[in-house]
Amino acid sequence: MRFLLVGNYGVGNLGDEALKDYFLKRFPNIEWSVLSAHPKPGELPRLPGGIRSFLRFDWMRTLKALRQSDGMVFGGGSLFTDQESVMACVLWGIHAFASMLLRKPYFLAFQGIGPFRTGIGKWIGHRVCSKAAFLSVRDEMSTARVAAWRLNKNSIQTFDPVFDLIEAKKIDVSTKNILILIPRVNSGSAFLAEAKKFAEEKAYASIRILLLQSKDPKEVRFAAKLRSILPGEVTPSDASTLHDLVTALSHASLVLTERYHGALAALALAKETVIVTQRKDDKLASLQGYFPVSEDIIALLRGRIRAGETALREAFRKLSA
């Protein structure tokens, strides 16, 4: 079977790249065509979300690939939310509507749905979910939003599959007296205040700022600002892969994060974690209830991922029958 794999790939976000790797590794029987913002050899461009991308016309290759495929899979992440910009909903909505136009089924797999600030964002999210051939969501908040729409379909509650990729990693996770700070590109005063508070409450042997988008100048500038207000020696470092992230967190005694996949990795490693949310009921808020970590919580989340995988495989099987 041939499917287009759609996500926020190619923008230098560690979490999204880990999601892409998950689908490529766990579903090797599928012939994937990955859509990317900056395609590597063998990848395809995303469909256009603006005038400049439209006028490049390279997206015509993507439409051709879609016509020749069995469908499209939206592979994880919080694609359908307008928290940062309603254009995110518009962009991913264009991909779903292209599938509808070409009469190709599309699957929403391990998705975070919402929250929504705008009527148009919510309308696109509702419309896309209502027409999906398959729908699995990664958290309770997304489940509740989809349930409120009363769609004429079942949605499956699973969990972010990147969590399961950490299971097999053989690393030393013995705790040392290290504070790890994981900001975002758009972090602000709330994160600065929390970082300063924890850094001053306890004498840490080491304070480290972990950058998941170290090539973004905004994140680099924020790291410099953090260093200027924190006591003692503060070391910045970057994590460009999931392995980098897990290794960096392995000895942490406390993780302060405003990044979803930073919190996810800390959860898998059972690290004490403080989450700084950006808005009420955002994707980070969906993880707060899992801390402090227990073996029962770990087993519950891994079971949800297995259920999501099984359901997606069954959806593929039905389509090929």
C-alpha atoms as a PDB file:
ATOM      1  CA  MET A   1       0.000   0.000   0.000  1.00  0.00           C
ATOM      2  CA  ARG A   2       1.133   3.548  -0.745  1.00  0.00           C
ATOM      3  CA  PHE A   3       0.351   6.481   1.542  1.00  0.00           C
ATOM      4  CA  LEU A   4       1.408  10.092   1.859  1.00  0.00           C
ATOM      5  CA  LEU A   5       2.667  10.823   5.384  1.00  0.00           C
ATOM      6  CA  VAL A   6       1.721  14.350   6.456  1.00  0.00           C
ATOM      7  CA  GLY A   7       3.023  16.243   9.479  1.00  0.00           C
ATOM      8  CA  ASN A   8       5.009  19.282  10.517  1.00  0.00           C
ATOM      9  CA  TYR A   9       8.166  17.680   9.193  1.00  0.00           C
ATOM     10  CA  GLY A  10      11.254  19.485   7.932  1.00  0.00           C
ATOM     11  CA  VAL A  11      11.103  22.528  10.216  1.00  0.00           C
ATOM     12  CA  GLY A  12      13.785  21.390  12.678  1.00  0.00           C
ATOM     13  CA  ASN A  13      11.387  20.309  15.419  1.00  0.00           C
ATOM     14  CA  LEU A  14      12.737  17.259  17.234  1.00  0.00           C
ATOM     15  CA  GLY A  15       9.308  15.955  18.250  1.00  0.00           C
ATOM     16  CA  ASP A  16       7.862  16.056  14.752  1.00  0.00           C
ATOM     17  CA  GLU A  17      10.908  14.331  13.278  1.00  0.00           C
ATOM     18  CA  ALA A  18      10.591  11.602  15.933  1.00  0.00           C
ATOM     19  CA  LEU A  19       6.945  11.126  14.924  1.00  0.00           C
ATOM     20  CA  LYS A  20       7.999  10.702  11.302  1.00  0.00           C
ATOM     21  CA  ASP A  21      10.575   8.090  12.346  1.00  0.00           C
ATOM     22  CA  TYR A  22       7.922   6.238  14.334  1.00  0.00           C
ATOM     23  CA  PHE A  23       5.671   5.729  11.294  1.00  0.00           C
ATOM     24  CA  LEU A  24       8.562   4.740   9.033  1.00  0.00           C
ATOM     25  CA  LYS A  25       9.844   2.179  11.555  1.00  0.00           C
ATOM     26  CA  ARG A  26       6.602   0.721  12.890  1.00  0.00           C
ATOM     27  CA  PHE A  27       4.784   0.435   9.549  1.00  0.00           C
ATOM     28  CA  PRO A  28       7.527  -0.807   7.189  1.00  0.00           C
ATOM     29  CA  ASN A  29       4.980  -2.609   5.000  1.00  0.00           C
ATOM     30  CA  ILE A  30       3.573   0.766   3.897  1.00  0.00           C
ATOM     31  CA  GLU A  31       5.270   2.556   0.996  1.00  0.00           C
ATOM     32  CA  TRP A  32       5.457   6.041   2.478  1.00  0.00           C
ATOM     33  CA  SER A  33       5.881   9.343   0.651  1.00  0.00           C
ATOM     34  CA  VAL A  34       6.846  11.909   3.302  1.00  0.00           C
ATOM     35  CA  LEU A  35       5.658  15.494   2.851  1.00  0.00           C
ATOM     36  CA  SER A  36       8.051  18.077   4.255  1.00  0.00           C
ATOM     37  CA  ALA A  37       8.405  21.850   4.539  1.00  0.00           C
ATOM     38  CA  HIS A  38      11.994  21.415   3.280  1.00  0.00           C
ATOM     39  CA  PRO A  39      12.039  18.128   1.377  1.00  0.00           C
ATOM     40  CA  LYS A  40      15.122  15.921   1.463  1.00  0.00           C
ATOM     41  CA  PRO A  41      15.864  13.587  -1.461  1.00  0.00           C
ATOM     42  CA  GLY A  42      12.972  11.153  -1.737  1.00  0.00           C
ATOM     43  CA  GLU A  43      10.519  13.468   0.079  1.00  0.00           C
ATOM     44  CA  LEU A  44       7.775  15.640  -1.387  1.00  0.00           C
ATOM     45  CA  PRO A  45       6.805  19.280  -0.753  1.00  0.00           C
ATOM     46  CA  ARG A  46       3.718  20.101   1.237  1.00  0.00           C
ATOM     47  CA  LEU A  47       0.718  21.486  -0.568  1.00  0.00           C
ATOM     48  CA  PRO A  48       0.791  25.313  -0.740  1.00  0.00           C
ATOM     49  CA  GLY A  49      -0.557  27.356   2.127  1.00  0.00           C
ATOM     50  CA  GLY A  50       0.307  30.760   0.652  1.00  0.00           C
ATOM     51  CA  ILE A  51       0.981  32.654  -2.582  1.00  0.00           C
ATOM     52  CA  ARG A  52       4.749  32.105  -2.682  1.00  0.00           C
ATOM     53  CA  SER A  53       4.504  28.359  -2.112  1.00  0.00           C
ATOM     54  CA  PHE A  54       1.696  28.171  -4.676  1.00  0.00           C
ATOM     55  CA  LEU A  55       3.752  29.938  -7.354  1.00  0.00           C
ATOM     56  CA  ARG A  56       6.630  27.460  -7.009  1.00  0.00           C
ATOM     57  CA  PHE A  57       4.331  24.784  -8.485  1.00  0.00           C
ATOM     58  CA  ASP A  58       6.471  22.007  -7.002  1.00  0.00           C
ATOM     59  CA  TRP A  59       3.364  20.905  -5.117  1.00  0.00           C
ATOM     60  CA  MET A  60       2.028  19.490  -8.382  1.00  0.00           C
ATOM     61  CA  ARG A  61       4.331  16.496  -7.805  1.00  0.00           C
ATOM     62  CA  THR A  62       2.587  15.974  -4.492  1.00  0.00           C
ATOM     63  CA  LEU A  63      -0.858  16.022  -6.075  1.00  0.00           C
ATOM     64  CA  LYS A  64       0.321  13.478  -8.622  1.00  0.00           C
ATOM     65  CA  ALA A  65       1.658  11.251  -5.837  1.00  0.00           C
ATOM     66  CA  LEU A  66      -1.651  11.589  -3.988  1.00  0.00           C
ATOM     67  CA  ARG A  67      -3.580  10.530  -7.098  1.00  0.00           C
ATOM     68  CA  GLN A  68      -1.362   7.450  -7.386  1.00  0.00           C
ATOM     69  CA  SER A  69      -1.561   6.563  -3.696  1.00  0.00           C
ATOM     70  CA  ASP A  70      -4.052   4.677  -1.551  1.00  0.00           C
ATOM     71  CA  GLY A  71      -4.547   7.705   0.683  1.00  0.00           C
ATOM     72  CA  MET A  72      -3.018  10.089   3.205  1.00  0.00           C
ATOM     73  CA  VAL A  73      -2.036   9.710   6.867  1.00  0.00           C
ATOM     74  CA  PHE A  74      -1.736  12.700   9.195  1.00  0.00           C
ATOM     75  CA  GLY A  75       1.016  11.301  11.395  1.00  0.00           C
ATOM     76  CA  GLY A  76       0.784  12.524  14.958  1.00  0.00           C
ATOM     77  CA  GLY A  77       1.233  15.941  16.533  1.00  0.00           C
ATOM     78  CA  SER A  78      -1.175  18.812  17.167  1.00  0.00           C
ATOM     79  CA  LEU A  79      -1.849  19.830  13.584  1.00  0.00           C
ATOM     80  CA  PHE A  80      -5.447  20.957  13.945  1.00  0.00           C
ATOM     81  CA  THR A  81      -5.194  23.729  16.499  1.00  0.00           C
ATOM     82  CA  ASP A  82      -5.082  27.507  16.036  1.00  0.00           C
ATOM     83  CA  GLN A  83      -3.317  28.310  19.317  1.00  0.00           C
ATOM     84  CA  GLU A  84      -0.368  29.911  17.559  1.00  0.00           C
ATOM     85  CA  SER A  85      -1.966  30.688  14.187  1.00  0.00           C
ATOM     86  CA  VAL A  86      -5.197  29.834  12.404  1.00  0.00           C
ATOM     87  CA  MET A  87      -3.053  29.308   9.288  1.00  0.00           C
ATOM     88  CA  ALA A  88      -1.971  25.960  10.748  1.00  0.00           C
ATOM     89  CA  CYS A  89      -5.557  24.730  10.489  1.00  0.00           C
ATOM     90  CA  VAL A  90      -5.816  26.209   6.985  1.00  0.00           C
ATOM     91  CA  LEU A  91      -2.602  24.508   5.829  1.00  0.00           C
ATOM     92  CA  TRP A  92      -3.489  21.039   7.100  1.00  0.00           C
ATOM     93  CA  GLY A  93      -7.090  21.523   6.033  1.00  0.00           C
ATOM     94  CA  ILE A  94      -5.875  22.068   2.462  1.00  0.00           C
ATOM     95  CA  HIS A  95      -4.221  18.634   2.568  1.00  0.00           C
ATOM     96  CA  ALA A  96      -7.387  16.982   3.847  1.00  0.00           C
ATOM     97  CA  PHE A  97      -9.574  18.767   1.285  1.00  0.00           C
ATOM     98  CA  ALA A  98      -7.189  17.679  -1.511  1.00  0.00           C
ATOM     99  CA  SER A  99      -7.750  14.083  -0.416  1.00  0.00           C
ATOM    100  CA  MET A 100     -11.506  14.626  -0.465  1.00  0.00           C
ATOM    101  CA  LEU A 101     -11.304  16.194  -3.930  1.00  0.00           C
ATOM    102  CA  LEU A 102      -9.328  13.244  -5.327  1.00  0.00           C
ATOM    103  CA  ARG A 103     -11.569  10.748  -3.475  1.00  0.00           C
ATOM    104  CA  LYS A 104      -8.686   9.410  -1.426  1.00  0.00           C
ATOM    105  CA  PRO A 105      -9.262   8.376   2.207  1.00  0.00           C
ATOM    106  CA  TYR A 106      -7.230  10.098   4.883  1.00  0.00           C
ATOM    107  CA  PHE A 107      -6.427   8.854   8.361  1.00  0.00           C
ATOM    108  CA  LEU A 108      -5.886  11.057  11.430  1.00  0.00           C
ATOM    109  CA  ALA A 109      -3.482   9.043  13.592  1.00  0.00           C
ATOM    110  CA  PHE A 110      -2.344   9.906  17.141  1.00  0.00           C
ATOM    111  CA  GLN A 111      -3.624  13.471  16.731  1.00  0.00           C
ATOM    112  CA  GLY A 112      -3.991  16.294  19.207  1.00  0.00           C
ATOM    113  CA  ILE A 113      -7.211  18.107  18.267  1.00  0.00           C
ATOM    114  CA  GLY A 114      -7.583  21.716  19.467  1.00  0.00           C
ATOM    115  CA  PRO A 115      -7.826  23.827  21.480  1.00  0.00           C
ATOM    116  CA  PHE A 116      -9.355  26.447  19.191  1.00  0.00           C
ATOM    117  CA  ARG A 117      -9.433  30.229  19.546  1.00  0.00           C
ATOM    118  CA  THR A 118     -11.232  31.052  16.309  1.00  0.00           C
ATOM    119  CA  GLY A 119     -14.439  29.976  14.636  1.00  0.00           C
ATOM    120  CA  ILE A 120     -12.689  29.177  11.343  1.00  0.00           C
ATOM    121  CA  GLY A 121     -10.075  27.027  13.070  1.00  0.00           C
ATOM    122  CA  LYS A 122     -12.759  25.085  14.905  1.00  0.00           C
ATOM    123  CA  TRP A 123     -14.818  24.696  11.717  1.00  0.00           C
ATOM    124  CA  ILE A 124     -11.841  23.283   9.809  1.00  0.00           C
ATOM    125  CA  GLY A 125     -11.005  20.905  12.675  1.00  0.00           C
ATOM    126  CA  HIS A 126     -14.615  19.689  12.862  1.00  0.00           C
ATOM    127  CA  ARG A 127     -14.918  19.280   9.093  1.00  0.00           C
ATOM    128  CA  VAL A 128     -11.646  17.384   8.746  1.00  0.00           C
ATOM    129  CA  CYS A 129     -12.442  15.036  11.635  1.00  0.00           C
ATOM    130  CA  SER A 130     -15.962  14.379  10.349  1.00  0.00           C
ATOM    131  CA  LYS A 131     -14.679  13.241   6.937  1.00  0.00           C
ATOM    132  CA  ALA A 132     -11.712  11.169   8.152  1.00  0.00           C
ATOM    133  CA  ALA A 133     -11.678   7.459   7.339  1.00  0.00           C
ATOM    134  CA  PHE A 134      -9.921   6.835  10.664  1.00  0.00           C
ATOM    135  CA  LEU A 135      -9.464   8.950  13.788  1.00  0.00           C
ATOM    136  CA  SER A 136      -7.265   8.340  16.824  1.00  0.00           C
ATOM    137  CA  VAL A 137      -6.433  11.069  19.350  1.00  0.00           C
ATOM    138  CA  ARG A 138      -3.541  11.238  21.762  1.00  0.00           C
ATOM    139  CA  ASP A 139      -5.040  12.728  24.929  1.00  0.00           C
ATOM    140  CA  GLU A 140      -8.175  13.092  27.048  1.00  0.00           C
ATOM    141  CA  MET A 141      -8.717  16.742  26.096  1.00  0.00           C
ATOM    142  CA  SER A 142      -8.765  15.895  22.386  1.00  0.00           C
ATOM    143  CA  THR A 143     -11.122  13.006  23.118  1.00  0.00           C
ATOM    144  CA  ALA A 144     -13.522  15.370  24.881  1.00  0.00           C
ATOM    145  CA  ARG A 145     -13.424  17.921  22.045  1.00  0.00           C
ATOM    146  CA  VAL A 146     -14.145  15.282  19.419  1.00  0.00           C
ATOM    147  CA  ALA A 147     -16.896  13.748  21.552  1.00  0.00           C
ATOM    148  CA  ALA A 148     -18.580  17.163  21.879  1.00  0.00           C
ATOM    149  CA  TRP A 149     -18.875  17.304  18.081  1.00  0.00           C
ATOM    150  CA  ARG A 150     -20.932  14.073  18.118  1.00  0.00           C
ATOM    151  CA  LEU A 151     -19.403  12.806  14.920  1.00  0.00           C
ATOM    152  CA  ASN A 152     -20.922   9.778  13.285  1.00  0.00           C
ATOM    153  CA  LYS A 153     -17.762   7.740  13.856  1.00  0.00           C
ATOM    154  CA  ASN A 154     -15.720   6.209  16.644  1.00  0.00           C
ATOM    155  CA  SER A 155     -12.498   7.879  17.746  1.00  0.00           C
ATOM    156  CA  ILE A 156      -9.816   5.924  19.564  1.00  0.00           C
ATOM    157  CA  GLN A 157      -7.939   7.419  22.487  1.00  0.00           C
ATOM    158  CA  THR A 158      -4.284   6.516  22.299  1.00  0.00           C
ATOM    159  CA  PHE A 159      -1.114   8.392  23.298  1.00  0.00           C
ATOM    160  CA  ASP A 160       1.843  10.035  21.593  1.00  0.00           C
ATOM    161  CA  PRO A 161       3.780   7.133  20.001  1.00  0.00           C
ATOM    162  CA  VAL A 162       7.163   8.831  20.470  1.00  0.00           C
ATOM    163  CA  PHE A 163       6.762   7.755  24.104  1.00  0.00           C
ATOM    164  CA  ASP A 164       7.072   4.132  22.970  1.00  0.00           C
ATOM    165  CA  LEU A 165      10.263   4.750  21.006  1.00  0.00           C
ATOM    166  CA  ILE A 166      12.043   5.527  24.280  1.00  0.00           C
ATOM    167  CA  GLU A 167      11.208   2.128  25.780  1.00  0.00           C
ATOM    168  CA  ALA A 168      14.029   0.201  24.127  1.00  0.00           C
ATOM    169  CA  LYS A 169      16.791   2.743  24.662  1.00  0.00           C
ATOM    170  CA  LYS A 170      19.616   1.350  26.804  1.00  0.00           C
ATOM    171  CA  ILE A 171      20.904   4.251  28.861  1.00  0.00           C
ATOM    172  CA  ASP A 172      21.948   4.976  32.414  1.00  0.00           C
ATOM    173  CA  VAL A 173      19.135   6.984  34.046  1.00  0.00           C
ATOM    174  CA  SER A 174      20.689   7.328  37.500  1.00  0.00           C
ATOM    175  CA  THR A 175      19.734  10.709  38.956  1.00  0.00           C
ATOM    176  CA  LYS A 176      22.340  13.389  39.579  1.00  0.00           C
ATOM    177  CA  ASN A 177      21.954  16.886  40.969  1.00  0.00           C
ATOM    178  CA  ILE A 178      21.178  18.503  37.607  1.00  0.00           C
ATOM    179  CA  LEU A 179      18.467  20.994  36.650  1.00  0.00           C
ATOM    180  CA  ILE A 180      17.439  20.783  32.981  1.00  0.00           C
ATOM    181  CA  LEU A 181      15.588  23.711  31.397  1.00  0.00           C
ATOM    182  CA  ILE A 182      13.775  23.194  28.071  1.00  0.00           C
ATOM    183  CA  PRO A 183      12.336  26.447  26.667  1.00  0.00           C
ATOM    184  CA  ARG A 184      10.496  27.104  23.401  1.00  0.00           C
ATOM    185  CA  VAL A 185      11.217  29.561  20.623  1.00  0.00           C
ATOM    186  CA  ASN A 186       8.404  31.745  21.972  1.00  0.00           C
ATOM    187  CA  SER A 187       8.994  31.245  25.703  1.00  0.00           C
ATOM    188  CA  GLY A 188       8.556  34.334  27.825  1.00  0.00           C
ATOM    189  CA  SER A 189       8.276  35.724  31.337  1.00  0.00           C
ATOM    190  CA  ALA A 190       6.450  32.720  32.808  1.00  0.00           C
ATOM    191  CA  PHE A 191       9.303  30.366  31.948  1.00  0.00           C
ATOM    192  CA  LEU A 192      11.938  32.873  33.108  1.00  0.00           C
ATOM    193  CA  ALA A 193      10.214  33.238  36.479  1.00  0.00           C
ATOM    194  CA  GLU A 194       9.898  29.471  37.022  1.00  0.00           C
ATOM    195  CA  ALA A 195      13.515  28.834  36.002  1.00  0.00           C
ATOM    196  CA  LYS A 196      14.794  31.542  38.365  1.00  0.00           C
ATOM    197  CA  LYS A 197      12.661  30.220  41.223  1.00  0.00           C
ATOM    198  CA  PHE A 198      13.916  26.640  40.969  1.00  0.00           C
ATOM    199  CA  ALA A 199      17.518  27.656  40.365  1.00  0.00           C
ATOM    200  CA  GLU A 200      17.517  29.764  43.557  1.00  0.00           C
ATOM    201  CA  GLU A 201      15.640  27.262  45.736  1.00  0.00           C
ATOM    202  CA  LYS A 202      18.365  24.621  45.562  1.00  0.00           C
ATOM    203  CA  ALA A 203      22.099  24.502  44.903  1.00  0.00           C
ATOM    204  CA  TYR A 204      22.353  22.376  41.780  1.00  0.00           C
ATOM    205  CA  ALA A 205      25.673  20.860  40.730  1.00  0.00           C
ATOM    206  CA  SER A 206      24.786  21.860  37.195  1.00  0.00           C
ATOM    207  CA  ILE A 207      22.108  23.836  35.359  1.00  0.00           C
ATOM    208  CA  ARG A 208      21.675  23.054  31.684  1.00  0.00           C
ATOM    209  CA  ILE A 209      19.546  24.735  29.043  1.00  0.00           C
ATOM    210  CA  LEU A 210      18.501  22.211  26.431  1.00  0.00           C
ATOM    211  CA  LEU A 211      17.560  23.649  23.034  1.00  0.00           C
ATOM    212  CA  LEU A 212      15.399  21.515  20.751  1.00  0.00           C
ATOM    213  CA  GLN A 213      15.549  24.087  17.928  1.00  0.00           C
ATOM    214  CA  SER A 214      19.060  25.418  18.370  1.00  0.00           C
ATOM    215  CA  LYS A 215      19.216  26.754  14.804  1.00  0.00           C
ATOM    216  CA  ASP A 216      16.402  29.178  15.499  1.00  0.00           C
ATOM    217  CA  PRO A 217      17.910  32.541  16.540  1.00  0.00           C
ATOM    218  CA  LYS A 218      14.898  33.310  18.757  1.00  0.00           C
ATOM    219  CA  GLU A 219      15.542  30.217  20.856  1.00  0.00           C
ATOM    220  CA  VAL A 220      19.249  31.025  21.070  1.00  0.00           C
ATOM    221  CA  ARG A 221      18.460  34.583  22.241  1.00  0.00           C
ATOM    222  CA  PHE A 222      16.061  33.287  24.866  1.00  0.00           C
ATOM    223  CA  ALA A 223      18.722  30.882  26.138  1.00  0.00           C
ATOM    224  CA  ALA A 224      21.125  33.802  26.501  1.00  0.00           C
ATOM    225  CA  LYS A 225      18.497  35.705  28.452  1.00  0.00           C
ATOM    226  CA  LEU A 226      17.980  32.709  30.727  1.00  0.00           C
ATOM    227  CA  ARG A 227      21.715  32.476  31.409  1.00  0.00           C
ATOM    228  CA  SER A 228      21.856  36.149  32.340  1.00  0.00           C
ATOM    229  CA  ILE A 229      19.313  35.824  35.184  1.00  0.00           C
ATOM    230  CA  LEU A 230      20.318  32.448  36.657  1.00  0.00           C
ATOM    231  CA  PRO A 231      22.914  31.950  39.416  1.00  0.00           C
ATOM    232  CA  GLY A 232      26.109  30.005  38.878  1.00  0.00           C
ATOM    233  CA  GLU A 233      27.359  28.383  35.729  1.00  0.00           C
ATOM    234  CA  VAL A 234      24.638  27.608  33.202  1.00  0.00           C
ATOM    235  CA  THR A 235      25.489  25.448  30.195  1.00  0.00           C
ATOM    236  CA  PRO A 236      23.510  25.554  26.942  1.00  0.00           C
ATOM    237  CA  SER A 237      23.368  22.467  24.742  1.00  0.00           C
ATOM    238  CA  ASP A 238      21.244  21.246  21.883  1.00  0.00           C
ATOM    239  CA  ALA A 239      19.259  18.098  21.107  1.00  0.00           C
ATOM    240  CA  SER A 240      18.518  17.473  17.462  1.00  0.00           C
ATOM    241  CA  THR A 241      17.425  13.835  17.785  1.00  0.00           C
ATOM    242  CA  LEU A 242      15.343  11.814  20.192  1.00  0.00           C
ATOM    243  CA  HIS A 243      18.483  10.011  21.335  1.00  0.00           C
ATOM    244  CA  ASP A 244      20.109  13.376  22.141  1.00  0.00           C
ATOM    245  CA  LEU A 245      17.074  14.384  24.185  1.00  0.00           C
ATOM    246  CA  VAL A 246      16.869  11.150  26.164  1.00  0.00           C
ATOM    247  CA  THR A 247      20.605  11.139  26.851  1.00  0.00           C
ATOM    248  CA  ALA A 248      20.517  14.762  28.040  1.00  0.00           C
ATOM    249  CA  LEU A 249      17.635  14.059  30.432  1.00  0.00           C
ATOM    250  CA  SER A 250      18.989  10.770  31.740  1.00  0.00           C
ATOM    251  CA  HIS A 251      20.721  12.216  34.828  1.00  0.00           C
ATOM    252  CA  ALA A 252      18.346  15.105  35.580  1.00  0.00           C
ATOM    253  CA  SER A 253      17.018  15.513  39.094  1.00  0.00           C
ATOM    254  CA  LEU A 254      14.453  18.069  37.867  1.00  0.00           C
ATOM    255  CA  VAL A 255      13.203  18.970  34.399  1.00  0.00           C
ATOM    256  CA  LEU A 256      11.481  22.301  33.758  1.00  0.00           C
ATOM    257  CA  THR A 257       9.960  22.280  30.303  1.00  0.00           C
ATOM    258  CA  GLU A 258       7.735  24.317  28.036  1.00  0.00           C
ATOM    259  CA  ARG A 259       8.104  21.749  25.255  1.00  0.00           C
ATOM    260  CA  TYR A 260       5.713  18.846  24.817  1.00  0.00           C
ATOM    261  CA  HIS A 261       8.266  16.250  23.771  1.00  0.00           C
ATOM    262  CA  GLY A 262      10.638  17.385  26.502  1.00  0.00           C
ATOM    263  CA  ALA A 263       7.906  16.539  29.007  1.00  0.00           C
ATOM    264  CA  LEU A 264       7.121  13.312  27.140  1.00  0.00           C
ATOM    265  CA  ALA A 265      10.726  12.098  27.334  1.00  0.00           C
ATOM    266  CA  ALA A 266      10.940  13.046  31.024  1.00  0.00           C
ATOM    267  CA  LEU A 267       7.736  11.079  31.601  1.00  0.00           C
ATOM    268  CA  ALA A 268       9.161   7.982  29.895  1.00  0.00           C
ATOM    269  CA  LEU A 269      12.316   8.285  32.040  1.00  0.00           C
ATOM    270  CA  ALA A 270      10.243   8.837  35.220  1.00  0.00           C
ATOM    271  CA  LYS A 271      11.966  12.146  35.972  1.00  0.00           C
ATOM    272  CA  GLU A 272      10.581  14.761  38.360  1.00  0.00           C
ATOM    273  CA  THR A 273       9.131  17.341  36.004  1.00  0.00           C
ATOM    274  CA  VAL A 274       7.527  20.770  36.144  1.00  0.00           C
ATOM    275  CA  ILE A 275       5.552  21.795  33.069  1.00  0.00           C
ATOM    276  CA  VAL A 276       5.041  25.422  32.034  1.00  0.00           C
ATOM    277  CA  THR A 277       1.925  25.621  29.883  1.00  0.00           C
ATOM    278  CA  GLN A 278       1.426  28.381  27.347  1.00  0.00           C
ATOM    279  CA  ARG A 279      -2.361  28.523  27.465  1.00  0.00           C
ATOM    280  CA  LYS A 280      -5.229  26.880  29.301  1.00  0.00           C
ATOM    281  CA  ASP A 281      -5.908  23.306  28.156  1.00  0.00           C
ATOM    282  CA  ASP A 282      -3.012  23.241  25.695  1.00  0.00           C
ATOM    283  CA  LYS A 283      -1.134  20.072  24.730  1.00  0.00           C
ATOM    284  CA  LEU A 284       1.299  20.438  27.639  1.00  0.00           C
ATOM    285  CA  ALA A 285      -1.601  20.621  30.081  1.00  0.00           C
ATOM    286  CA  SER A 286      -2.693  17.207  28.809  1.00  0.00           C
ATOM    287  CA  LEU A 287       0.511  15.692  30.261  1.00  0.00           C
ATOM    288  CA  GLN A 288       0.396  17.273  33.728  1.00  0.00           C
ATOM    289  CA  GLY A 289      -1.902  14.640  35.201  1.00  0.00           C
ATOM    290  CA  TYR A 290       0.664  11.884  34.543  1.00  0.00           C
ATOM    291  CA  PHE A 291       3.168  13.336  37.026  1.00  0.00           C
ATOM    292  CA  PRO A 292       4.437  12.119  39.429  1.00  0.00           C
ATOM    293  CA  VAL A 293       5.129   9.046  37.327  1.00  0.00           C
ATOM    294  CA  SER A 294       4.217   5.527  38.425  1.00  0.00           C
ATOM    295  CA  GLU A 295       4.554   2.081  36.850  1.00  0.00           C
ATOM    296  CA  ASP A 296       0.773   1.929  36.465  1.00  0.00           C
ATOM    297  CA  ILE A 297       0.766   5.173  34.457  1.00  0.00           C
ATOM    298  CA  ILE A 298       3.593   3.938  32.219  1.00  0.00           C
ATOM    299  CA  ALA A 299       1.717   0.679  31.571  1.00  0.00           C
ATOM    300  CA  LEU A 300      -1.524   2.553  30.859  1.00  0.00           C
ATOM    301  CA  LEU A 301       0.102   4.837  28.290  1.00  0.00           C
ATOM    302  CA  ARG A 302       1.992   2.065  26.532  1.00  0.00           C
ATOM    303  CA  GLY A 303      -1.248   0.081  26.362  1.00  0.00           C
ATOM    304  CA  ARG A 304      -3.005   3.037  24.719  1.00  0.00           C
ATOM    305  CA  ILE A 305      -0.256   3.291  22.097  1.00  0.00           C
ATOM    306  CA  ARG A 306      -0.582  -0.432  21.340  1.00  0.00           C
ATOM    307  CA  ALA A 307      -4.340   0.005  20.948  1.00  0.00           C
ATOM    308  CA  GLY A 308      -3.792   2.912  18.553  1.00  0.00           C
ATOM    309  CA  GLU A 309      -1.293   0.908  16.500  1.00  0.00           C
ATOM    310  CA  THR A 310      -3.613  -2.096  16.304  1.00  0.00           C
ATOM    311  CA  ALA A 311      -6.549   0.058  15.203  1.00  0.00           C
ATOM    312  CA  LEU A 312      -4.484   1.784  12.492  1.00  0.00           C
ATOM    313  CA  ARG A 313      -3.197  -1.540  11.159  1.00  0.00           C
ATOM    314  CA  GLU A 314      -6.778  -2.800  11.028  1.00  0.00           C
ATOM    315  CA  ALA A 315      -7.847   0.325   9.114  1.00  0.00           C
ATOM    316  CA  PHE A 316      -5.079  -0.332   6.566  1.00  0.00           C
ATOM    317  CA  ARG A 317      -6.143  -3.998   6.295  1.00  0.00           C
ATOM    318  CA  LYS A 318      -9.786  -3.092   5.658  1.00  0.00           C
ATOM    319  CA  LEU A 319      -8.808  -0.620   2.954  1.00  0.00           C
ATOM    320  CA  SER A 320      -6.653  -3.205   1.165  1.00  0.00           C
ATOM    321  CA  ALA A 321      -9.263  -6.010   1.408  1.00  0.00           C
END
